[in-house]
C-alpha atoms as a PDB file:
ATOM      1  CA  MET A   1      80.069  96.412 -41.757  1.00  0.00           C
ATOM      2  CA  LYS A   2      77.264  94.141 -40.562  1.00  0.00           C
ATOM      3  CA  LYS A   3      79.581  91.176 -40.998  1.00  0.00           C
ATOM      4  CA  TYR A   4      82.242  92.754 -38.745  1.00  0.00           C
ATOM      5  CA  ILE A   5      79.689  93.631 -36.086  1.00  0.00           C
ATOM      6  CA  THR A   6      78.538  90.009 -36.025  1.00  0.00           C
ATOM      7  CA  ILE A   7      82.114  88.729 -35.637  1.00  0.00           C
ATOM      8  CA  ILE A   8      82.866  91.228 -32.848  1.00  0.00           C
ATOM      9  CA  SER A   9      79.627  90.257 -31.075  1.00  0.00           C
ATOM     10  CA  VAL A  10      80.554  86.559 -31.208  1.00  0.00           C
ATOM     11  CA  PHE A  11      84.025  87.194 -29.737  1.00  0.00           C
ATOM     12  CA  ALA A  12      82.554  89.446 -27.065  1.00  0.00           C
ATOM     13  CA  PHE A  13      80.058  86.744 -26.099  1.00  0.00           C
ATOM     14  CA  ILE A  14      82.838  84.133 -25.890  1.00  0.00           C
ATOM     15  CA  GLY A  15      84.932  86.470 -23.719  1.00  0.00           C
ATOM     16  CA  VAL A  16      82.072  87.178 -21.306  1.00  0.00           C
ATOM     17  CA  ALA A  17      81.204  83.465 -21.113  1.00  0.00           C
ATOM     18  CA  ALA A  18      84.836  82.569 -20.325  1.00  0.00           C
ATOM     19  CA  LEU A  19      84.974  85.242 -17.607  1.00  0.00           C
ATOM     20  CA  LEU A  20      81.742  84.008 -16.018  1.00  0.00           C
ATOM     21  CA  PHE A  21      83.031  80.418 -16.122  1.00  0.00           C
ATOM     22  CA  ARG A  22      86.232  81.414 -14.294  1.00  0.00           C
ATOM     23  CA  VAL A  23      84.333  83.346 -11.638  1.00  0.00           C
ATOM     24  CA  GLY A  24      81.846  80.510 -11.212  1.00  0.00           C
ATOM     25  CA  SER A  25      84.635  77.976 -10.888  1.00  0.00           C
ATOM     26  CA  ARG A  26      86.266  79.983  -8.121  1.00  0.00           C
ATOM     27  CA  ILE A  27      83.001  80.202  -6.234  1.00  0.00           C
ATOM     28  CA  MET A  28      82.287  76.493  -6.592  1.00  0.00           C
ATOM     29  CA  THR A  29      85.797  75.307  -5.701  1.00  0.00           C
ATOM     30  CA  PRO A  30      86.265  75.277  -1.904  1.00  0.00           C
ATOM     31  CA  ALA A  31      90.063  75.208  -2.212  1.00  0.00           C
ATOM     32  CA  ASN A  32      90.009  78.786  -3.481  1.00  0.00           C
ATOM     33  CA  SER A  33      87.877  80.145  -0.662  1.00  0.00           C
ATOM     34  CA  ASN A  34      89.613  81.896   2.214  1.00  0.00           C
ATOM     35  CA  ASN A  35      86.478  81.516   4.345  1.00  0.00           C
ATOM     36  CA  ILE A  36      86.156  77.724   4.111  1.00  0.00           C
ATOM     37  CA  THR A  37      85.493  75.950   7.402  1.00  0.00           C
ATOM     38  CA  VAL A  38      86.587  72.332   7.705  1.00  0.00           C
ATOM     39  CA  ALA A  39      83.436  70.375   8.453  1.00  0.00           C
ATOM     40  CA  GLU A  40      84.880  67.856  10.913  1.00  0.00           C
ATOM     41  CA  ASN A  41      88.055  69.133  12.492  1.00  0.00           C
ATOM     42  CA  VAL A  42      87.860  66.316  15.057  1.00  0.00           C
ATOM     43  CA  PHE A  43      90.770  65.971  17.442  1.00  0.00           C
ATOM     44  CA  TYR A  44      91.410  62.788  19.296  1.00  0.00           C
ATOM     45  CA  VAL A  45      89.828  62.444  22.744  1.00  0.00           C
ATOM     46  CA  ALA A  46      91.208  59.634  24.895  1.00  0.00           C
ATOM     47  CA  PRO A  47      88.837  57.271  26.746  1.00  0.00           C
ATOM     48  CA  GLU A  48      87.724  58.426  30.195  1.00  0.00           C
ATOM     49  CA  ASN A  49      89.774  55.787  32.020  1.00  0.00           C
ATOM     50  CA  SER A  50      93.039  57.081  30.570  1.00  0.00           C
ATOM     51  CA  GLY A  51      94.250  60.629  30.069  1.00  0.00           C
ATOM     52  CA  ASP A  52      97.581  60.571  31.905  1.00  0.00           C
ATOM     53  CA  MET A  53      99.765  63.298  30.400  1.00  0.00           C
ATOM     54  CA  ILE A  54     103.540  62.887  29.997  1.00  0.00           C
ATOM     55  CA  ASP A  55     105.742  65.851  29.150  1.00  0.00           C
ATOM     56  CA  LEU A  56     108.417  64.977  26.610  1.00  0.00           C
ATOM     57  CA  PRO A  57     112.033  66.200  26.809  1.00  0.00           C
ATOM     58  CA  ASP A  58     112.922  69.343  24.880  1.00  0.00           C
ATOM     59  CA  ILE A  59     113.186  69.010  21.111  1.00  0.00           C
ATOM     60  CA  VAL A  60     116.657  69.047  19.566  1.00  0.00           C
ATOM     61  CA  LYS A  61     116.681  71.313  16.504  1.00  0.00           C
ATOM     62  CA  ASP A  62     120.401  71.406  15.820  1.00  0.00           C
ATOM     63  CA  GLY A  63     121.785  67.867  15.987  1.00  0.00           C
ATOM     64  CA  SER A  64     125.299  66.664  15.299  1.00  0.00           C
ATOM     65  CA  MET A  65     124.500  64.867  12.010  1.00  0.00           C
ATOM     66  CA  SER A  66     124.046  66.710   8.719  1.00  0.00           C
ATOM     67  CA  LEU A  67     120.923  66.198   6.640  1.00  0.00           C
ATOM     68  CA  GLU A  68     123.044  64.806   3.807  1.00  0.00           C
ATOM     69  CA  ARG A  69     124.565  62.205   6.124  1.00  0.00           C
ATOM     70  CA  ALA A  70     121.123  61.182   7.423  1.00  0.00           C
ATOM     71  CA  ILE A  71     119.841  60.777   3.849  1.00  0.00           C
ATOM     72  CA  SER A  72     122.820  58.593   2.963  1.00  0.00           C
ATOM     73  CA  LEU A  73     122.198  56.377   6.019  1.00  0.00           C
ATOM     74  CA  ARG A  74     118.451  55.955   5.497  1.00  0.00           C
ATOM     75  CA  ARG A  75     117.575  52.266   5.216  1.00  0.00           C
ATOM     76  CA  SER A  76     114.640  49.992   6.039  1.00  0.00           C
ATOM     77  CA  ILE A  77     115.875  48.186   9.144  1.00  0.00           C
ATOM     78  CA  ARG A  78     113.904  45.261  10.527  1.00  0.00           C
ATOM     79  CA  SER A  79     116.117  43.945  13.351  1.00  0.00           C
ATOM     80  CA  TYR A  80     116.594  45.754  16.660  1.00  0.00           C
ATOM     81  CA  SER A  81     118.428  45.159  19.916  1.00  0.00           C
ATOM     82  CA  GLU A  82     116.682  44.624  23.247  1.00  0.00           C
ATOM     83  CA  GLU A  83     117.872  48.002  24.547  1.00  0.00           C
ATOM     84  CA  ALA A  84     115.049  50.387  25.449  1.00  0.00           C
ATOM     85  CA  LEU A  85     114.344  53.603  23.603  1.00  0.00           C
ATOM     86  CA  THR A  86     114.640  56.769  25.650  1.00  0.00           C
ATOM     87  CA  LEU A  87     111.698  59.098  26.136  1.00  0.00           C
ATOM     88  CA  GLY A  88     113.709  61.805  24.401  1.00  0.00           C
ATOM     89  CA  GLU A  89     114.227  59.617  21.319  1.00  0.00           C
ATOM     90  CA  LEU A  90     110.528  58.791  21.098  1.00  0.00           C
ATOM     91  CA  GLY A  91     109.601  62.459  21.469  1.00  0.00           C
ATOM     92  CA  GLN A  92     112.089  63.482  18.800  1.00  0.00           C
ATOM     93  CA  LEU A  93     110.684  60.910  16.365  1.00  0.00           C
ATOM     94  CA  LEU A  94     107.099  62.052  16.948  1.00  0.00           C
ATOM     95  CA  TRP A  95     108.133  65.689  16.559  1.00  0.00           C
ATOM     96  CA  SER A  96     109.836  64.877  13.251  1.00  0.00           C
ATOM     97  CA  ALA A  97     106.549  63.464  11.964  1.00  0.00           C
ATOM     98  CA  GLN A  98     104.089  66.135  13.106  1.00  0.00           C
ATOM     99  CA  GLY A  99     105.836  68.614  15.383  1.00  0.00           C
ATOM    100  CA  ILE A 100     105.129  72.335  15.448  1.00  0.00           C
ATOM    101  CA  THR A 101     107.813  74.452  13.751  1.00  0.00           C
ATOM    102  CA  GLY A 102     106.541  77.997  13.993  1.00  0.00           C
ATOM    103  CA  ASP A 103     104.245  80.463  15.743  1.00  0.00           C
ATOM    104  CA  ARG A 104     101.499  79.897  13.153  1.00  0.00           C
ATOM    105  CA  GLY A 105     101.265  76.206  14.024  1.00  0.00           C
ATOM    106  CA  PHE A 106     102.801  74.828  10.837  1.00  0.00           C
ATOM    107  CA  ARG A 107     104.234  71.321  11.060  1.00  0.00           C
ATOM    108  CA  THR A 108     107.426  69.490  10.155  1.00  0.00           C
ATOM    109  CA  ALA A 109     105.605  67.951   7.157  1.00  0.00           C
ATOM    110  CA  PRO A 110     103.640  69.939   4.534  1.00  0.00           C
ATOM    111  CA  SER A 111      99.857  69.683   4.689  1.00  0.00           C
ATOM    112  CA  ALA A 112      97.415  70.601   1.923  1.00  0.00           C
ATOM    113  CA  GLY A 113      95.690  73.811   2.935  1.00  0.00           C
ATOM    114  CA  ALA A 114      97.125  73.433   6.458  1.00  0.00           C
ATOM    115  CA  THR A 115      94.257  71.041   7.225  1.00  0.00           C
ATOM    116  CA  PHE A 116      96.539  68.699   9.230  1.00  0.00           C
ATOM    117  CA  PRO A 117      94.614  65.421   8.884  1.00  0.00           C
ATOM    118  CA  LEU A 118      97.321  63.309  10.548  1.00  0.00           C
ATOM    119  CA  GLU A 119      97.342  62.229  14.189  1.00  0.00           C
ATOM    120  CA  MET A 120     100.320  60.401  15.663  1.00  0.00           C
ATOM    121  CA  PHE A 121     100.090  57.570  18.168  1.00  0.00           C
ATOM    122  CA  ALA A 122     102.801  55.422  19.728  1.00  0.00           C
ATOM    123  CA  VAL A 123     102.557  51.862  20.985  1.00  0.00           C
ATOM    124  CA  ALA A 124     105.199  51.703  23.724  1.00  0.00           C
ATOM    125  CA  ASN A 125     106.817  48.270  24.033  1.00  0.00           C
ATOM    126  CA  ASN A 126     110.146  49.161  25.615  1.00  0.00           C
ATOM    127  CA  VAL A 127     110.650  52.858  26.371  1.00  0.00           C
ATOM    128  CA  ASP A 128     112.490  54.088  29.480  1.00  0.00           C
ATOM    129  CA  GLY A 129     110.177  56.053  31.745  1.00  0.00           C
ATOM    130  CA  LEU A 130     107.017  55.004  29.901  1.00  0.00           C
ATOM    131  CA  ASN A 131     104.556  52.281  30.834  1.00  0.00           C
ATOM    132  CA  THR A 132     103.566  49.758  28.209  1.00  0.00           C
ATOM    133  CA  GLY A 133     100.505  50.965  26.321  1.00  0.00           C
ATOM    134  CA  ILE A 134      99.172  53.267  23.603  1.00  0.00           C
ATOM    135  CA  TYR A 135      99.841  57.011  23.622  1.00  0.00           C
ATOM    136  CA  HIS A 136      98.595  59.958  21.580  1.00  0.00           C
ATOM    137  CA  TYR A 137     101.043  62.708  20.613  1.00  0.00           C
ATOM    138  CA  HIS A 138      99.974  66.320  21.254  1.00  0.00           C
ATOM    139  CA  PRO A 139     102.182  68.431  18.956  1.00  0.00           C
ATOM    140  CA  GLN A 140     101.067  71.773  20.382  1.00  0.00           C
ATOM    141  CA  GLU A 141     102.418  70.955  23.857  1.00  0.00           C
ATOM    142  CA  HIS A 142     104.940  68.284  22.762  1.00  0.00           C
ATOM    143  CA  ARG A 143     103.602  65.711  25.177  1.00  0.00           C
ATOM    144  CA  LEU A 144     101.963  62.302  25.275  1.00  0.00           C
ATOM    145  CA  GLU A 145      98.525  61.300  26.492  1.00  0.00           C
ATOM    146  CA  MET A 146      97.934  57.712  27.528  1.00  0.00           C
ATOM    147  CA  VAL A 147      95.146  56.076  25.521  1.00  0.00           C
ATOM    148  CA  ARG A 148      95.310  52.453  26.719  1.00  0.00           C
ATOM    149  CA  ARG A 149      97.370  50.836  29.456  1.00  0.00           C
ATOM    150  CA  ASP A 150      97.149  47.394  27.891  1.00  0.00           C
ATOM    151  CA  ASP A 151     100.026  45.562  26.231  1.00  0.00           C
ATOM    152  CA  VAL A 152      98.665  45.195  22.692  1.00  0.00           C
ATOM    153  CA  SER A 153     101.933  44.127  21.069  1.00  0.00           C
ATOM    154  CA  GLU A 154     100.986  40.461  20.521  1.00  0.00           C
ATOM    155  CA  ALA A 155      97.582  41.304  19.048  1.00  0.00           C
ATOM    156  CA  LEU A 156      99.106  44.015  16.869  1.00  0.00           C
ATOM    157  CA  PHE A 157     101.827  41.588  15.757  1.00  0.00           C
ATOM    158  CA  ARG A 158      99.203  39.112  14.534  1.00  0.00           C
ATOM    159  CA  ALA A 159      97.127  41.838  12.842  1.00  0.00           C
ATOM    160  CA  CYS A 160     100.303  42.947  11.033  1.00  0.00           C
ATOM    161  CA  LEU A 161     100.713  39.496   9.468  1.00  0.00           C
ATOM    162  CA  SER A 162     103.226  38.369  12.135  1.00  0.00           C
ATOM    163  CA  GLN A 163     105.954  40.827  11.164  1.00  0.00           C
ATOM    164  CA  SER A 164     108.513  40.513  13.977  1.00  0.00           C
ATOM    165  CA  MET A 165     109.421  44.225  13.985  1.00  0.00           C
ATOM    166  CA  ILE A 166     106.122  44.972  15.742  1.00  0.00           C
ATOM    167  CA  LEU A 167     107.281  42.972  18.769  1.00  0.00           C
ATOM    168  CA  ASP A 168     110.980  43.799  18.622  1.00  0.00           C
ATOM    169  CA  GLY A 169     110.805  47.589  18.309  1.00  0.00           C
ATOM    170  CA  GLY A 170     110.969  49.731  21.424  1.00  0.00           C
ATOM    171  CA  ALA A 171     107.911  51.553  20.060  1.00  0.00           C
ATOM    172  CA  VAL A 172     105.595  51.437  17.055  1.00  0.00           C
ATOM    173  CA  LEU A 173     104.616  54.796  15.585  1.00  0.00           C
ATOM    174  CA  VAL A 174     101.082  54.867  14.200  1.00  0.00           C
ATOM    175  CA  PHE A 175     100.077  57.335  11.473  1.00  0.00           C
ATOM    176  CA  ALA A 176      96.305  57.854  11.565  1.00  0.00           C
ATOM    177  CA  ALA A 177      94.211  60.333   9.597  1.00  0.00           C
ATOM    178  CA  VAL A 178      90.876  62.113   9.934  1.00  0.00           C
ATOM    179  CA  TYR A 179      89.932  62.300   6.257  1.00  0.00           C
ATOM    180  CA  ASP A 180      87.162  64.890   6.688  1.00  0.00           C
ATOM    181  CA  ARG A 181      89.659  67.543   7.697  1.00  0.00           C
ATOM    182  CA  THR A 182      91.065  67.590   4.167  1.00  0.00           C
ATOM    183  CA  THR A 183      88.239  66.240   1.996  1.00  0.00           C
ATOM    184  CA  ALA A 184      85.840  68.871   3.394  1.00  0.00           C
ATOM    185  CA  ARG A 185      87.970  71.416   1.568  1.00  0.00           C
ATOM    186  CA  TYR A 186      89.278  69.510  -1.460  1.00  0.00           C
ATOM    187  CA  GLY A 187      86.674  66.834  -2.053  1.00  0.00           C
ATOM    188  CA  GLN A 188      87.783  63.404  -3.221  1.00  0.00           C
ATOM    189  CA  ARG A 189      91.157  64.763  -4.319  1.00  0.00           C
ATOM    190  CA  GLY A 190      91.861  65.440  -0.656  1.00  0.00           C
ATOM    191  CA  GLU A 191      92.360  61.699  -0.207  1.00  0.00           C
ATOM    192  CA  ARG A 192      95.402  61.907  -2.481  1.00  0.00           C
ATOM    193  CA  TYR A 193      96.733  64.852  -0.505  1.00  0.00           C
ATOM    194  CA  ILE A 194      96.474  62.856   2.726  1.00  0.00           C
ATOM    195  CA  LEU A 195      98.449  59.974   1.235  1.00  0.00           C
ATOM    196  CA  ASN A 196     101.055  62.464   0.034  1.00  0.00           C
ATOM    197  CA  GLU A 197     101.252  63.885   3.535  1.00  0.00           C
ATOM    198  CA  VAL A 198     101.804  60.569   5.262  1.00  0.00           C
ATOM    199  CA  GLY A 199     104.699  59.992   2.849  1.00  0.00           C
ATOM    200  CA  HIS A 200     106.269  63.314   3.828  1.00  0.00           C
ATOM    201  CA  ALA A 201     105.863  62.593   7.551  1.00  0.00           C
ATOM    202  CA  SER A 202     107.155  59.013   7.403  1.00  0.00           C
ATOM    203  CA  GLN A 203     110.277  60.076   5.499  1.00  0.00           C
ATOM    204  CA  ASN A 204     110.932  62.629   8.237  1.00  0.00           C
ATOM    205  CA  VAL A 205     110.821  59.789  10.769  1.00  0.00           C
ATOM    206  CA  HIS A 206     113.198  57.712   8.649  1.00  0.00           C
ATOM    207  CA  LEU A 207     115.724  60.558   8.533  1.00  0.00           C
ATOM    208  CA  GLN A 208     115.333  61.364  12.227  1.00  0.00           C
ATOM    209  CA  ALA A 209     115.865  57.705  13.103  1.00  0.00           C
ATOM    210  CA  ALA A 210     119.063  57.676  11.040  1.00  0.00           C
ATOM    211  CA  ALA A 211     120.279  60.827  12.798  1.00  0.00           C
ATOM    212  CA  LEU A 212     119.604  59.200  16.205  1.00  0.00           C
ATOM    213  CA  ASP A 213     121.348  55.956  15.225  1.00  0.00           C
ATOM    214  CA  LEU A 214     118.064  54.044  15.379  1.00  0.00           C
ATOM    215  CA  GLY A 215     116.450  51.571  13.016  1.00  0.00           C
ATOM    216  CA  THR A 216     112.964  51.779  11.523  1.00  0.00           C
ATOM    217  CA  VAL A 217     110.850  50.491   8.640  1.00  0.00           C
ATOM    218  CA  VAL A 218     107.447  51.396   7.234  1.00  0.00           C
ATOM    219  CA  ILE A 219     104.680  48.791   7.424  1.00  0.00           C
ATOM    220  CA  GLY A 220     101.681  49.007   5.142  1.00  0.00           C
ATOM    221  CA  ALA A 221     100.741  45.305   5.145  1.00  0.00           C
ATOM    222  CA  TYR A 222      98.212  44.675   7.898  1.00  0.00           C
ATOM    223  CA  ARG A 223      94.544  43.886   8.375  1.00  0.00           C
ATOM    224  CA  ASP A 224      93.028  47.353   8.608  1.00  0.00           C
ATOM    225  CA  ASP A 225      89.936  46.571  10.670  1.00  0.00           C
ATOM    226  CA  GLU A 226      91.880  44.474  13.179  1.00  0.00           C
ATOM    227  CA  VAL A 227      94.572  47.106  13.683  1.00  0.00           C
ATOM    228  CA  GLU A 228      92.023  49.885  14.145  1.00  0.00           C
ATOM    229  CA  ASP A 229      90.026  47.726  16.564  1.00  0.00           C
ATOM    230  CA  ILE A 230      93.145  46.899  18.630  1.00  0.00           C
ATOM    231  CA  LEU A 231      94.211  50.538  18.833  1.00  0.00           C
ATOM    232  CA  SER A 232      90.644  51.678  19.706  1.00  0.00           C
ATOM    233  CA  LEU A 233      91.084  55.091  18.101  1.00  0.00           C
ATOM    234  CA  GLY A 234      87.419  55.557  17.192  1.00  0.00           C
ATOM    235  CA  ASP A 235      85.398  55.983  14.030  1.00  0.00           C
ATOM    236  CA  PRO A 236      86.912  59.135  12.422  1.00  0.00           C
ATOM    237  CA  PHE A 237      90.458  57.740  12.494  1.00  0.00           C
ATOM    238  CA  ARG A 238      91.937  55.575   9.756  1.00  0.00           C
ATOM    239  CA  VAL A 239      95.344  53.985  10.252  1.00  0.00           C
ATOM    240  CA  LEU A 240      97.552  54.526   7.194  1.00  0.00           C
ATOM    241  CA  TYR A 241     101.040  53.455   8.250  1.00  0.00           C
ATOM    242  CA  LEU A 242     102.981  51.842  11.077  1.00  0.00           C
ATOM    243  CA  MET A 243     106.660  52.385  11.838  1.00  0.00           C
ATOM    244  CA  PRO A 244     108.355  50.214  14.474  1.00  0.00           C
ATOM    245  CA  VAL A 245     111.523  51.825  15.831  1.00  0.00           C
ATOM    246  CA  GLY A 246     114.328  50.314  17.846  1.00  0.00           C
ATOM    247  CA  LYS A 247     117.984  50.505  18.799  1.00  0.00           C
ATOM    248  CA  LEU A 248     120.382  49.068  16.247  1.00  0.00           C
ATOM    249  CA  PRO A 249     121.686  45.584  17.084  1.00  0.00           C
END
């Protein structure tokens, strides 16, 4: 009998220890807390000498091309015509990357824990109704805010290892991220989630470009510090991807 009591006691101890470990893990893992507050939910603030706001045309949510057709047409296109992009096309592309798709503020691309680390910017080279310069996309209002009035295309071209698409595209979409929004909740693994997210968002842009009969390509080869200095986005923002977009030749 003593032997059985000892065995039962050992199993009971193991069970209690396992239960305490699970409870402790839940307490120590921020991802499982419903009360977590993101430490640095920093949103972009344009320099004082800018701030012009441009309303974008209404979003099209029921286009003429099927998703399957857009997927079949998706290609990396590096040559564009000299025809300007329309403001509606630029707005549609930005919406496809990070637009709002519901009353709860969810986006067109999935985001780990709805932390939304991505911020979209556009370098306007040749867009009807838009001055040359750098603009920040506000998804909540679907509008643009001017960041810089300068023509940065030549400097950006050189920082991107002289890839001609930077100059030839009507606009260059810039995917930037505030890492603290996601890593405050998920720790170092949050960095992986952010890279996953930029992949989701950039594929949306690829498909939207195909549906609009536009060409685009993703650019990951550039000198990081130079690009971030040219764009003047500030310390919390890290540029992860660039996508020049233009009319097909």
